[in-house]
């Protein structure tokens, strides 16, 4: 769903995208190192609530929690930066609350222990901040979204959306979420494929970012986030 940021605030989507390598690497390596069994492998199913398939291995940390907090940190660190107004703190609270609800759902469905969520939140937050830091360097994501890499990025998003539509689901809610997520990816992908490659086609936010950086360099002041 966050791929829609490509349409107006590509730097935010770049931050989310750049948080994936650190989040995936830490998630896979810690899961392999810890080897913690999930609740379904330890507890009798009458002792806890199980929704969906029973998972048994690699409980610590929660990958869903890492993804949720990485996305929240990447978006907030890029969009809000240094909070100064009340609106900034409201956005931070909403982002953290959304990620927390997603994390708690993993315990609610019987897939994780509470400690898995705490570790996943910490790892995800660090991954998100790393993505926001990488997005401060616009060269790579300008190339990907507005330069020679644009056709591949657009095609990749469309393929991603179609695969989400084809993914099997067990509930109507799951089908609705996958449908909206797939539509978001397809819309963003077609936007990249149909957009021009010149600097004049950059969204206002991307051009503004560049202008702020250029003015900051000229005046000797930091541009901030």
C-alpha atoms as a PDB file:
ATOM      1  CA  UNK A   1       0.000   0.000   0.000  1.00  0.00           C
ATOM      2  CA  UNK A   2       2.869   2.364   0.782  1.00  0.00           C
ATOM      3  CA  UNK A   3       3.963   2.158  -2.864  1.00  0.00           C
ATOM      4  CA  UNK A   4       1.415   4.939  -3.507  1.00  0.00           C
ATOM      5  CA  UNK A   5       3.960   7.340  -2.024  1.00  0.00           C
ATOM      6  CA  UNK A   6       5.706   7.043  -5.411  1.00  0.00           C
ATOM      7  CA  UNK A   7       2.956   9.280  -6.825  1.00  0.00           C
ATOM      8  CA  UNK A   8       3.648  12.295  -4.617  1.00  0.00           C
ATOM      9  CA  UNK A   9       6.430  11.687  -2.100  1.00  0.00           C
ATOM     10  CA  UNK A  10       8.893   9.272  -3.684  1.00  0.00           C
ATOM     11  CA  UNK A  11      11.509   9.873  -1.009  1.00  0.00           C
ATOM     12  CA  UNK A  12       9.224   8.215   1.557  1.00  0.00           C
ATOM     13  CA  UNK A  13       8.791   5.130  -0.632  1.00  0.00           C
ATOM     14  CA  UNK A  14      12.547   5.114  -1.205  1.00  0.00           C
ATOM     15  CA  UNK A  15      13.079   5.068   2.570  1.00  0.00           C
ATOM     16  CA  UNK A  16      10.673   2.145   2.977  1.00  0.00           C
ATOM     17  CA  UNK A  17      12.346   0.276   0.114  1.00  0.00           C
ATOM     18  CA  UNK A  18      15.833   0.961   1.498  1.00  0.00           C
ATOM     19  CA  UNK A  19      14.853  -0.450   4.898  1.00  0.00           C
ATOM     20  CA  UNK A  20      14.226  -3.906   3.403  1.00  0.00           C
ATOM     21  CA  UNK A  21      17.853  -5.162   3.200  1.00  0.00           C
ATOM     22  CA  UNK A  22      18.679  -4.444   6.843  1.00  0.00           C
ATOM     23  CA  UNK A  23      15.320  -5.739   8.077  1.00  0.00           C
ATOM     24  CA  UNK A  24      15.501  -8.951   6.041  1.00  0.00           C
ATOM     25  CA  UNK A  25      19.118  -9.649   6.950  1.00  0.00           C
ATOM     26  CA  UNK A  26      18.567  -9.131  10.672  1.00  0.00           C
ATOM     27  CA  UNK A  27      15.315 -11.082  10.645  1.00  0.00           C
ATOM     28  CA  UNK A  28      16.759 -14.128   8.877  1.00  0.00           C
ATOM     29  CA  UNK A  29      20.038 -14.182  10.780  1.00  0.00           C
ATOM     30  CA  UNK A  30      18.508 -13.759  14.252  1.00  0.00           C
ATOM     31  CA  UNK A  31      15.782 -16.323  13.531  1.00  0.00           C
ATOM     32  CA  UNK A  32      18.418 -18.833  12.426  1.00  0.00           C
ATOM     33  CA  UNK A  33      20.662 -18.068  15.406  1.00  0.00           C
ATOM     34  CA  UNK A  34      17.906 -18.167  18.057  1.00  0.00           C
ATOM     35  CA  UNK A  35      15.875 -21.115  16.724  1.00  0.00           C
ATOM     36  CA  UNK A  36      13.022 -20.457  19.160  1.00  0.00           C
ATOM     37  CA  UNK A  37       9.948 -22.706  18.739  1.00  0.00           C
ATOM     38  CA  UNK A  38       6.580 -21.048  18.252  1.00  0.00           C
ATOM     39  CA  UNK A  39       3.651 -21.461  20.674  1.00  0.00           C
ATOM     40  CA  UNK A  40       2.065 -24.208  18.543  1.00  0.00           C
ATOM     41  CA  UNK A  41       5.194 -26.327  18.955  1.00  0.00           C
ATOM     42  CA  UNK A  42       5.249 -26.004  22.748  1.00  0.00           C
ATOM     43  CA  UNK A  43       1.718 -25.478  24.028  1.00  0.00           C
ATOM     44  CA  UNK A  44      -1.382 -27.572  23.702  1.00  0.00           C
ATOM     45  CA  UNK A  45      -3.771 -25.859  21.292  1.00  0.00           C
ATOM     46  CA  UNK A  46      -6.432 -25.710  23.990  1.00  0.00           C
ATOM     47  CA  UNK A  47      -4.178 -23.323  25.973  1.00  0.00           C
ATOM     48  CA  UNK A  48      -3.985 -20.523  23.413  1.00  0.00           C
ATOM     49  CA  UNK A  49      -5.882 -19.006  20.510  1.00  0.00           C
ATOM     50  CA  UNK A  50      -4.798 -20.283  17.068  1.00  0.00           C
ATOM     51  CA  UNK A  51      -6.005 -18.608  13.875  1.00  0.00           C
ATOM     52  CA  UNK A  52      -4.680 -19.828  10.555  1.00  0.00           C
ATOM     53  CA  UNK A  53      -2.084 -22.564   9.992  1.00  0.00           C
ATOM     54  CA  UNK A  54      -0.044 -23.817  12.928  1.00  0.00           C
ATOM     55  CA  UNK A  55       3.551 -22.546  12.678  1.00  0.00           C
ATOM     56  CA  UNK A  56       6.245 -24.298  14.688  1.00  0.00           C
ATOM     57  CA  UNK A  57       9.720 -22.879  14.013  1.00  0.00           C
ATOM     58  CA  UNK A  58      11.725 -19.630  14.014  1.00  0.00           C
ATOM     59  CA  UNK A  59       9.542 -17.636  16.360  1.00  0.00           C
ATOM     60  CA  UNK A  60      12.134 -15.048  17.526  1.00  0.00           C
ATOM     61  CA  UNK A  61      11.909 -12.288  16.356  1.00  0.00           C
ATOM     62  CA  UNK A  62       8.575 -11.581  14.673  1.00  0.00           C
ATOM     63  CA  UNK A  63       9.062 -10.852  10.972  1.00  0.00           C
ATOM     64  CA  UNK A  64       5.667  -9.160  10.669  1.00  0.00           C
ATOM     65  CA  UNK A  65       6.612  -6.856  13.547  1.00  0.00           C
ATOM     66  CA  UNK A  66       9.939  -6.041  11.911  1.00  0.00           C
ATOM     67  CA  UNK A  67       8.147  -5.128   8.687  1.00  0.00           C
ATOM     68  CA  UNK A  68       5.533  -2.997  10.437  1.00  0.00           C
ATOM     69  CA  UNK A  69       7.997  -1.016  12.566  1.00  0.00           C
ATOM     70  CA  UNK A  70      10.502  -0.669   9.718  1.00  0.00           C
ATOM     71  CA  UNK A  71       7.802   0.872   7.522  1.00  0.00           C
ATOM     72  CA  UNK A  72       6.612   3.130  10.355  1.00  0.00           C
ATOM     73  CA  UNK A  73      10.123   4.336  11.185  1.00  0.00           C
ATOM     74  CA  UNK A  74      11.026   4.910   7.535  1.00  0.00           C
ATOM     75  CA  UNK A  75       7.862   6.924   6.859  1.00  0.00           C
ATOM     76  CA  UNK A  76       8.002   8.943  10.073  1.00  0.00           C
ATOM     77  CA  UNK A  77      11.727   9.710   9.923  1.00  0.00           C
ATOM     78  CA  UNK A  78      11.342  10.934   6.339  1.00  0.00           C
ATOM     79  CA  UNK A  79       7.981  12.687   6.529  1.00  0.00           C
ATOM     80  CA  UNK A  80       8.188  14.173  10.021  1.00  0.00           C
ATOM     81  CA  UNK A  81      11.934  14.374  10.616  1.00  0.00           C
ATOM     82  CA  UNK A  82      12.415  16.349  13.811  1.00  0.00           C
ATOM     83  CA  UNK A  83       8.974  16.781  15.414  1.00  0.00           C
ATOM     84  CA  UNK A  84       8.234  20.357  16.376  1.00  0.00           C
ATOM     85  CA  UNK A  85       4.469  20.762  16.175  1.00  0.00           C
ATOM     86  CA  UNK A  86       1.573  18.963  17.724  1.00  0.00           C
ATOM     87  CA  UNK A  87       0.611  17.510  14.360  1.00  0.00           C
ATOM     88  CA  UNK A  88       4.025  15.859  14.111  1.00  0.00           C
ATOM     89  CA  UNK A  89       3.555  14.071  17.423  1.00  0.00           C
ATOM     90  CA  UNK A  90       0.053  12.965  16.397  1.00  0.00           C
ATOM     91  CA  UNK A  91       1.473  11.415  13.206  1.00  0.00           C
ATOM     92  CA  UNK A  92       4.206   9.670  15.185  1.00  0.00           C
ATOM     93  CA  UNK A  93       1.656   8.313  17.662  1.00  0.00           C
ATOM     94  CA  UNK A  94      -0.573   7.053  14.834  1.00  0.00           C
ATOM     95  CA  UNK A  95       2.344   5.369  13.075  1.00  0.00           C
ATOM     96  CA  UNK A  96       3.626   3.663  16.212  1.00  0.00           C
ATOM     97  CA  UNK A  97       0.091   2.632  17.207  1.00  0.00           C
ATOM     98  CA  UNK A  98      -0.565   1.093  13.792  1.00  0.00           C
ATOM     99  CA  UNK A  99       2.690  -0.874  13.925  1.00  0.00           C
ATOM    100  CA  UNK A 100       1.920  -1.975  17.488  1.00  0.00           C
ATOM    101  CA  UNK A 101      -1.546  -3.260  16.541  1.00  0.00           C
ATOM    102  CA  UNK A 102      -0.032  -5.262  13.676  1.00  0.00           C
ATOM    103  CA  UNK A 103       2.556  -6.680  16.069  1.00  0.00           C
ATOM    104  CA  UNK A 104      -0.001  -7.619  18.738  1.00  0.00           C
ATOM    105  CA  UNK A 105      -2.060  -9.436  16.122  1.00  0.00           C
ATOM    106  CA  UNK A 106       0.783 -11.963  15.811  1.00  0.00           C
ATOM    107  CA  UNK A 107       0.266 -12.994  19.426  1.00  0.00           C
ATOM    108  CA  UNK A 108      -3.504 -12.892  18.998  1.00  0.00           C
ATOM    109  CA  UNK A 109      -3.353 -15.480  16.201  1.00  0.00           C
ATOM    110  CA  UNK A 110      -0.990 -17.719  18.184  1.00  0.00           C
ATOM    111  CA  UNK A 111       2.063 -17.276  15.939  1.00  0.00           C
ATOM    112  CA  UNK A 112       4.469 -15.544  18.364  1.00  0.00           C
ATOM    113  CA  UNK A 113       5.486 -14.951  21.959  1.00  0.00           C
ATOM    114  CA  UNK A 114       5.359 -11.407  23.399  1.00  0.00           C
ATOM    115  CA  UNK A 115       9.171 -11.236  23.529  1.00  0.00           C
ATOM    116  CA  UNK A 116       9.256 -11.846  19.770  1.00  0.00           C
ATOM    117  CA  UNK A 117       7.310  -8.613  19.312  1.00  0.00           C
ATOM    118  CA  UNK A 118       9.667  -6.531  21.459  1.00  0.00           C
ATOM    119  CA  UNK A 119      12.713  -7.753  19.547  1.00  0.00           C
ATOM    120  CA  UNK A 120      10.946  -7.325  16.213  1.00  0.00           C
ATOM    121  CA  UNK A 121       9.961  -3.747  17.065  1.00  0.00           C
ATOM    122  CA  UNK A 122      13.554  -2.821  17.976  1.00  0.00           C
ATOM    123  CA  UNK A 123      15.027  -4.449  14.861  1.00  0.00           C
ATOM    124  CA  UNK A 124      12.343  -2.978  12.615  1.00  0.00           C
ATOM    125  CA  UNK A 125      12.829   0.522  13.995  1.00  0.00           C
ATOM    126  CA  UNK A 126      16.577   0.356  13.349  1.00  0.00           C
ATOM    127  CA  UNK A 127      15.954  -0.972   9.829  1.00  0.00           C
ATOM    128  CA  UNK A 128      13.498   1.838   9.141  1.00  0.00           C
ATOM    129  CA  UNK A 129      15.963   4.482  10.325  1.00  0.00           C
ATOM    130  CA  UNK A 130      18.631   2.969   8.085  1.00  0.00           C
ATOM    131  CA  UNK A 131      16.245   3.240   5.139  1.00  0.00           C
ATOM    132  CA  UNK A 132      15.479   6.879   5.943  1.00  0.00           C
ATOM    133  CA  UNK A 133      19.216   7.610   6.122  1.00  0.00           C
ATOM    134  CA  UNK A 134      19.805   6.003   2.712  1.00  0.00           C
ATOM    135  CA  UNK A 135      16.904   7.957   1.216  1.00  0.00           C
ATOM    136  CA  UNK A 136      18.641  11.223   2.117  1.00  0.00           C
ATOM    137  CA  UNK A 137      20.945  10.499  -0.827  1.00  0.00           C
ATOM    138  CA  UNK A 138      18.604  11.003  -3.808  1.00  0.00           C
ATOM    139  CA  UNK A 139      20.858   9.808  -6.604  1.00  0.00           C
ATOM    140  CA  UNK A 140      19.883   6.140  -6.466  1.00  0.00           C
ATOM    141  CA  UNK A 141      16.139   6.591  -6.065  1.00  0.00           C
ATOM    142  CA  UNK A 142      15.948   9.381  -8.638  1.00  0.00           C
ATOM    143  CA  UNK A 143      17.605   6.936 -11.049  1.00  0.00           C
ATOM    144  CA  UNK A 144      15.171   4.191 -10.023  1.00  0.00           C
ATOM    145  CA  UNK A 145      11.967   6.229 -10.119  1.00  0.00           C
ATOM    146  CA  UNK A 146      12.697   8.895 -12.748  1.00  0.00           C
ATOM    147  CA  UNK A 147      15.734   7.709 -14.707  1.00  0.00           C
ATOM    148  CA  UNK A 148      16.920   4.632 -16.535  1.00  0.00           C
ATOM    149  CA  UNK A 149      15.688   2.304 -13.803  1.00  0.00           C
ATOM    150  CA  UNK A 150      12.096   3.536 -14.034  1.00  0.00           C
ATOM    151  CA  UNK A 151      10.776   0.857 -16.459  1.00  0.00           C
ATOM    152  CA  UNK A 152      12.164  -1.953 -14.302  1.00  0.00           C
ATOM    153  CA  UNK A 153      10.761  -0.386 -11.132  1.00  0.00           C
ATOM    154  CA  UNK A 154       7.346   0.094 -12.740  1.00  0.00           C
ATOM    155  CA  UNK A 155       7.238  -3.438 -14.118  1.00  0.00           C
ATOM    156  CA  UNK A 156       8.370  -4.817 -10.765  1.00  0.00           C
ATOM    157  CA  UNK A 157       5.581  -3.034  -8.904  1.00  0.00           C
ATOM    158  CA  UNK A 158       2.956  -4.240 -11.392  1.00  0.00           C
ATOM    159  CA  UNK A 159       4.205  -7.813 -11.095  1.00  0.00           C
ATOM    160  CA  UNK A 160       4.203  -7.499  -7.303  1.00  0.00           C
ATOM    161  CA  UNK A 161       0.587  -6.299  -7.361  1.00  0.00           C
ATOM    162  CA  UNK A 162      -0.562  -9.116  -9.632  1.00  0.00           C
ATOM    163  CA  UNK A 163       1.145 -11.700  -7.419  1.00  0.00           C
ATOM    164  CA  UNK A 164      -0.683 -10.271  -4.414  1.00  0.00           C
ATOM    165  CA  UNK A 165      -3.989 -10.666  -6.266  1.00  0.00           C
ATOM    166  CA  UNK A 166      -3.146 -14.279  -7.080  1.00  0.00           C
ATOM    167  CA  UNK A 167      -2.056 -15.134  -3.554  1.00  0.00           C
ATOM    168  CA  UNK A 168      -4.446 -17.575  -1.831  1.00  0.00           C
ATOM    169  CA  UNK A 169      -6.408 -16.257   1.142  1.00  0.00           C
ATOM    170  CA  UNK A 170      -8.540 -17.745   3.867  1.00  0.00           C
ATOM    171  CA  UNK A 171     -10.836 -14.892   4.864  1.00  0.00           C
ATOM    172  CA  UNK A 172     -12.718 -12.036   3.227  1.00  0.00           C
ATOM    173  CA  UNK A 173     -10.675  -9.495   5.214  1.00  0.00           C
ATOM    174  CA  UNK A 174      -7.450 -11.024   3.931  1.00  0.00           C
ATOM    175  CA  UNK A 175      -8.764 -10.894   0.370  1.00  0.00           C
ATOM    176  CA  UNK A 176      -9.701  -7.222   0.784  1.00  0.00           C
ATOM    177  CA  UNK A 177      -6.285  -6.278   2.196  1.00  0.00           C
ATOM    178  CA  UNK A 178      -4.428  -8.139  -0.561  1.00  0.00           C
ATOM    179  CA  UNK A 179      -6.705  -6.592  -3.160  1.00  0.00           C
ATOM    180  CA  UNK A 180      -6.058  -3.029  -1.979  1.00  0.00           C
ATOM    181  CA  UNK A 181      -2.332  -3.682  -1.617  1.00  0.00           C
ATOM    182  CA  UNK A 182      -2.140  -5.167  -5.101  1.00  0.00           C
ATOM    183  CA  UNK A 183      -4.082  -2.250  -6.571  1.00  0.00           C
ATOM    184  CA  UNK A 184      -1.711   0.214  -4.887  1.00  0.00           C
ATOM    185  CA  UNK A 185       1.317  -1.525  -6.382  1.00  0.00           C
ATOM    186  CA  UNK A 186      -0.232  -1.683  -9.858  1.00  0.00           C
ATOM    187  CA  UNK A 187      -1.235   2.000  -9.817  1.00  0.00           C
ATOM    188  CA  UNK A 188       2.247   3.038  -8.680  1.00  0.00           C
ATOM    189  CA  UNK A 189       3.838   0.801 -11.292  1.00  0.00           C
ATOM    190  CA  UNK A 190       1.783   2.210 -14.164  1.00  0.00           C
ATOM    191  CA  UNK A 191       2.574   5.707 -12.914  1.00  0.00           C
ATOM    192  CA  UNK A 192       6.286   4.989 -13.214  1.00  0.00           C
ATOM    193  CA  UNK A 193       5.899   3.453 -16.661  1.00  0.00           C
ATOM    194  CA  UNK A 194       3.894   6.369 -18.041  1.00  0.00           C
ATOM    195  CA  UNK A 195       5.840   9.221 -16.404  1.00  0.00           C
ATOM    196  CA  UNK A 196       8.424  11.208 -18.341  1.00  0.00           C
ATOM    197  CA  UNK A 197      12.130  10.872 -17.615  1.00  0.00           C
ATOM    198  CA  UNK A 198      13.056  14.541 -17.491  1.00  0.00           C
ATOM    199  CA  UNK A 199      13.603  16.531 -14.317  1.00  0.00           C
ATOM    200  CA  UNK A 200      10.438  18.474 -15.047  1.00  0.00           C
ATOM    201  CA  UNK A 201       8.360  15.368 -14.347  1.00  0.00           C
ATOM    202  CA  UNK A 202       9.628  14.987 -10.794  1.00  0.00           C
ATOM    203  CA  UNK A 203       6.875  15.328  -8.199  1.00  0.00           C
ATOM    204  CA  UNK A 204       6.809  18.648  -6.389  1.00  0.00           C
ATOM    205  CA  UNK A 205       8.073  17.023  -3.198  1.00  0.00           C
ATOM    206  CA  UNK A 206      11.146  15.602  -4.926  1.00  0.00           C
ATOM    207  CA  UNK A 207      11.937  18.938  -6.582  1.00  0.00           C
ATOM    208  CA  UNK A 208      11.417  20.687  -3.258  1.00  0.00           C
ATOM    209  CA  UNK A 209      13.837  18.319  -1.555  1.00  0.00           C
ATOM    210  CA  UNK A 210      16.502  19.148  -4.142  1.00  0.00           C
ATOM    211  CA  UNK A 211      15.838  22.894  -3.849  1.00  0.00           C
ATOM    212  CA  UNK A 212      16.144  22.799  -0.077  1.00  0.00           C
ATOM    213  CA  UNK A 213      19.423  20.915  -0.284  1.00  0.00           C
ATOM    214  CA  UNK A 214      20.827  23.364  -2.861  1.00  0.00           C
ATOM    215  CA  UNK A 215      19.783  26.390  -0.804  1.00  0.00           C
ATOM    216  CA  UNK A 216      21.261  24.841   2.335  1.00  0.00           C
ATOM    217  CA  UNK A 217      24.590  24.224   0.651  1.00  0.00           C
ATOM    218  CA  UNK A 218      24.677  27.814  -0.609  1.00  0.00           C
ATOM    219  CA  UNK A 219      23.933  29.246   2.822  1.00  0.00           C
ATOM    220  CA  UNK A 220      26.035  26.792   4.777  1.00  0.00           C
ATOM    221  CA  UNK A 221      23.075  25.579   6.844  1.00  0.00           C
ATOM    222  CA  UNK A 222      21.928  21.930   7.222  1.00  0.00           C
ATOM    223  CA  UNK A 223      18.771  21.054   5.317  1.00  0.00           C
ATOM    224  CA  UNK A 224      17.320  18.796   8.044  1.00  0.00           C
ATOM    225  CA  UNK A 225      15.024  15.848   7.351  1.00  0.00           C
END
